[in-house]
Amino acid sequence: MEDKKISLIRERLQALKQELEAFSEMSGEARATVELDQQSVGRLSRMDALQGQAMAQASERQRRAQIQRIDAALGRLAAGDYGYCVECGEEIAPKRLDVDPAAAFCISCAQ
């Protein structure tokens, strides 16, 4: 793979990682512990808050997993293995990498 293309892919992966980390930072308050204060918040409001907290925590887990996938892709890029399936070693379709630059598997192995 040519150096210019590698540089563009690295920049795109790093930008995606920074965006995910920024979202993670912004949602910190939503993931915080919901306080039990029945004097100021009713039972239904607390249930809504707990549901919102659970959704924020699930989103954070997904973001962390995506960041790990991006870090792995950056590692493959540095090692010269980027664009090849980690399962079978076949080349990953360029269109697949355009959609998901952190893809580690070819379409056959991903299924």
C-alpha atoms as a PDB file:
ATOM      1  CA  MET A   1       0.000   0.000   0.000  1.00  0.00           C
ATOM      2  CA  GLU A   2       1.373   3.405  -0.897  1.00  0.00           C
ATOM      3  CA  ASP A   3       2.547   5.816   1.808  1.00  0.00           C
ATOM      4  CA  LYS A   4       0.022   8.528   0.945  1.00  0.00           C
ATOM      5  CA  LYS A   5      -2.903   6.111   1.264  1.00  0.00           C
ATOM      6  CA  ILE A   6      -1.529   4.724   4.541  1.00  0.00           C
ATOM      7  CA  SER A   7      -1.241   8.266   5.875  1.00  0.00           C
ATOM      8  CA  LEU A   8      -4.843   9.061   4.901  1.00  0.00           C
ATOM      9  CA  ILE A   9      -6.124   5.873   6.520  1.00  0.00           C
ATOM     10  CA  ARG A  10      -4.148   6.589   9.706  1.00  0.00           C
ATOM     11  CA  GLU A  11      -5.556  10.126   9.846  1.00  0.00           C
ATOM     12  CA  ARG A  12      -9.112   8.844   9.345  1.00  0.00           C
ATOM     13  CA  LEU A  13      -8.736   6.218  12.078  1.00  0.00           C
ATOM     14  CA  GLN A  14      -7.234   8.741  14.494  1.00  0.00           C
ATOM     15  CA  ALA A  15     -10.030  11.227  13.752  1.00  0.00           C
ATOM     16  CA  LEU A  16     -12.653   8.546  14.427  1.00  0.00           C
ATOM     17  CA  LYS A  17     -10.925   7.665  17.693  1.00  0.00           C
ATOM     18  CA  GLN A  18     -10.809  11.306  18.797  1.00  0.00           C
ATOM     19  CA  GLU A  19     -14.496  11.728  17.969  1.00  0.00           C
ATOM     20  CA  LEU A  20     -15.429   8.661  20.021  1.00  0.00           C
ATOM     21  CA  GLU A  21     -13.301   9.834  22.946  1.00  0.00           C
ATOM     22  CA  ALA A  22     -14.971  13.264  22.808  1.00  0.00           C
ATOM     23  CA  PHE A  23     -18.433  11.653  22.903  1.00  0.00           C
ATOM     24  CA  SER A  24     -17.277   9.538  25.823  1.00  0.00           C
ATOM     25  CA  GLU A  25     -16.146  12.602  27.718  1.00  0.00           C
ATOM     26  CA  MET A  26     -19.403  14.453  27.031  1.00  0.00           C
ATOM     27  CA  SER A  27     -21.567  11.571  28.219  1.00  0.00           C
ATOM     28  CA  GLY A  28     -19.778  11.114  31.532  1.00  0.00           C
ATOM     29  CA  GLU A  29     -22.520  12.815  33.503  1.00  0.00           C
ATOM     30  CA  ALA A  30     -25.220  10.619  31.964  1.00  0.00           C
ATOM     31  CA  ARG A  31     -23.323   7.502  33.113  1.00  0.00           C
ATOM     32  CA  ALA A  32     -22.897   8.789  36.662  1.00  0.00           C
ATOM     33  CA  THR A  33     -24.549   7.038  39.594  1.00  0.00           C
ATOM     34  CA  VAL A  34     -28.201   7.947  40.043  1.00  0.00           C
ATOM     35  CA  GLU A  35     -28.752   9.191  43.566  1.00  0.00           C
ATOM     36  CA  LEU A  36     -31.601   7.881  45.668  1.00  0.00           C
ATOM     37  CA  ASP A  37     -33.319  10.997  46.969  1.00  0.00           C
ATOM     38  CA  GLN A  38     -37.027  10.364  47.179  1.00  0.00           C
ATOM     39  CA  GLN A  39     -37.641  13.795  48.676  1.00  0.00           C
ATOM     40  CA  SER A  40     -36.717  15.634  45.472  1.00  0.00           C
ATOM     41  CA  VAL A  41     -37.223  12.959  42.800  1.00  0.00           C
ATOM     42  CA  GLY A  42     -40.212  10.670  42.474  1.00  0.00           C
ATOM     43  CA  ARG A  43     -40.035   6.934  41.880  1.00  0.00           C
ATOM     44  CA  LEU A  44     -40.898   7.183  38.171  1.00  0.00           C
ATOM     45  CA  SER A  45     -38.382   9.977  37.617  1.00  0.00           C
ATOM     46  CA  ARG A  46     -35.710   7.851  39.280  1.00  0.00           C
ATOM     47  CA  MET A  47     -36.653   4.873  37.089  1.00  0.00           C
ATOM     48  CA  ASP A  48     -36.308   7.106  34.022  1.00  0.00           C
ATOM     49  CA  ALA A  49     -32.934   8.287  35.282  1.00  0.00           C
ATOM     50  CA  LEU A  50     -31.783   4.687  35.839  1.00  0.00           C
ATOM     51  CA  GLN A  51     -32.908   3.730  32.343  1.00  0.00           C
ATOM     52  CA  GLY A  52     -31.048   6.733  30.893  1.00  0.00           C
ATOM     53  CA  GLN A  53     -27.961   5.753  32.873  1.00  0.00           C
ATOM     54  CA  ALA A  54     -28.128   2.160  31.590  1.00  0.00           C
ATOM     55  CA  MET A  55     -28.427   3.354  27.993  1.00  0.00           C
ATOM     56  CA  ALA A  56     -25.491   5.745  28.449  1.00  0.00           C
ATOM     57  CA  GLN A  57     -23.387   2.939  29.931  1.00  0.00           C
ATOM     58  CA  ALA A  58     -24.255   0.615  27.034  1.00  0.00           C
ATOM     59  CA  SER A  59     -23.292   3.339  24.549  1.00  0.00           C
ATOM     60  CA  GLU A  60     -20.006   3.812  26.393  1.00  0.00           C
ATOM     61  CA  ARG A  61     -19.240   0.088  26.167  1.00  0.00           C
ATOM     62  CA  GLN A  62     -19.870   0.227  22.412  1.00  0.00           C
ATOM     63  CA  ARG A  63     -17.616   3.280  22.076  1.00  0.00           C
ATOM     64  CA  ARG A  64     -14.828   1.560  24.053  1.00  0.00           C
ATOM     65  CA  ALA A  65     -15.122  -1.539  21.833  1.00  0.00           C
ATOM     66  CA  GLN A  66     -14.930   0.632  18.716  1.00  0.00           C
ATOM     67  CA  ILE A  67     -11.864   2.429  20.094  1.00  0.00           C
ATOM     68  CA  GLN A  68     -10.220  -0.972  20.682  1.00  0.00           C
ATOM     69  CA  ARG A  69     -11.015  -1.955  17.077  1.00  0.00           C
ATOM     70  CA  ILE A  70      -9.484   1.320  15.860  1.00  0.00           C
ATOM     71  CA  ASP A  71      -6.355   0.772  17.983  1.00  0.00           C
ATOM     72  CA  ALA A  72      -6.048  -2.737  16.535  1.00  0.00           C
ATOM     73  CA  ALA A  73      -6.409  -1.343  12.998  1.00  0.00           C
ATOM     74  CA  LEU A  74      -3.710   1.245  13.718  1.00  0.00           C
ATOM     75  CA  GLY A  75      -1.493  -1.589  14.955  1.00  0.00           C
ATOM     76  CA  ARG A  76      -2.112  -3.586  11.775  1.00  0.00           C
ATOM     77  CA  LEU A  77      -1.363  -0.466   9.754  1.00  0.00           C
ATOM     78  CA  ALA A  78       1.976  -0.011  11.550  1.00  0.00           C
ATOM     79  CA  ALA A  79       2.820  -3.702  11.087  1.00  0.00           C
ATOM     80  CA  GLY A  80       1.963  -3.639   7.391  1.00  0.00           C
ATOM     81  CA  ASP A  81      -0.951  -6.059   7.814  1.00  0.00           C
ATOM     82  CA  TYR A  82      -3.749  -3.540   7.293  1.00  0.00           C
ATOM     83  CA  GLY A  83      -6.285  -4.503   4.639  1.00  0.00           C
ATOM     84  CA  TYR A  84      -5.845  -8.239   5.124  1.00  0.00           C
ATOM     85  CA  CYS A  85      -8.243 -10.485   7.016  1.00  0.00           C
ATOM     86  CA  VAL A  86      -6.881 -11.539  10.412  1.00  0.00           C
ATOM     87  CA  GLU A  87      -8.682 -14.884  10.053  1.00  0.00           C
ATOM     88  CA  CYS A  88      -7.817 -16.130   6.548  1.00  0.00           C
ATOM     89  CA  GLY A  89      -5.229 -13.604   5.331  1.00  0.00           C
ATOM     90  CA  GLU A  90      -7.203 -12.663   2.217  1.00  0.00           C
ATOM     91  CA  GLU A  91      -7.431  -9.035   1.165  1.00  0.00           C
ATOM     92  CA  ILE A  92     -10.405  -7.136   2.611  1.00  0.00           C
ATOM     93  CA  ALA A  93     -12.479  -5.466  -0.098  1.00  0.00           C
ATOM     94  CA  PRO A  94     -11.579  -1.748  -0.407  1.00  0.00           C
ATOM     95  CA  LYS A  95     -15.281  -0.804  -0.293  1.00  0.00           C
ATOM     96  CA  ARG A  96     -15.613  -2.625   3.038  1.00  0.00           C
ATOM     97  CA  LEU A  97     -12.653  -0.666   4.400  1.00  0.00           C
ATOM     98  CA  ASP A  98     -14.191   2.575   3.098  1.00  0.00           C
ATOM     99  CA  VAL A  99     -17.321   1.850   5.127  1.00  0.00           C
ATOM    100  CA  ASP A 100     -15.461   0.554   8.186  1.00  0.00           C
ATOM    101  CA  PRO A 101     -11.753   1.417   8.203  1.00  0.00           C
ATOM    102  CA  ALA A 102     -11.290  -0.673  11.368  1.00  0.00           C
ATOM    103  CA  ALA A 103     -12.615  -3.875   9.743  1.00  0.00           C
ATOM    104  CA  ALA A 104     -10.434  -6.832  10.655  1.00  0.00           C
ATOM    105  CA  PHE A 105     -12.222  -9.532   8.690  1.00  0.00           C
ATOM    106  CA  CYS A 106     -13.103 -10.109   5.062  1.00  0.00           C
ATOM    107  CA  ILE A 107     -16.796 -10.437   4.323  1.00  0.00           C
ATOM    108  CA  SER A 108     -16.603 -14.270   4.259  1.00  0.00           C
ATOM    109  CA  CYS A 109     -14.966 -14.546   7.675  1.00  0.00           C
ATOM    110  CA  ALA A 110     -17.163 -11.828   9.187  1.00  0.00           C
ATOM    111  CA  GLN A 111     -20.256 -13.905   8.460  1.00  0.00           C
END
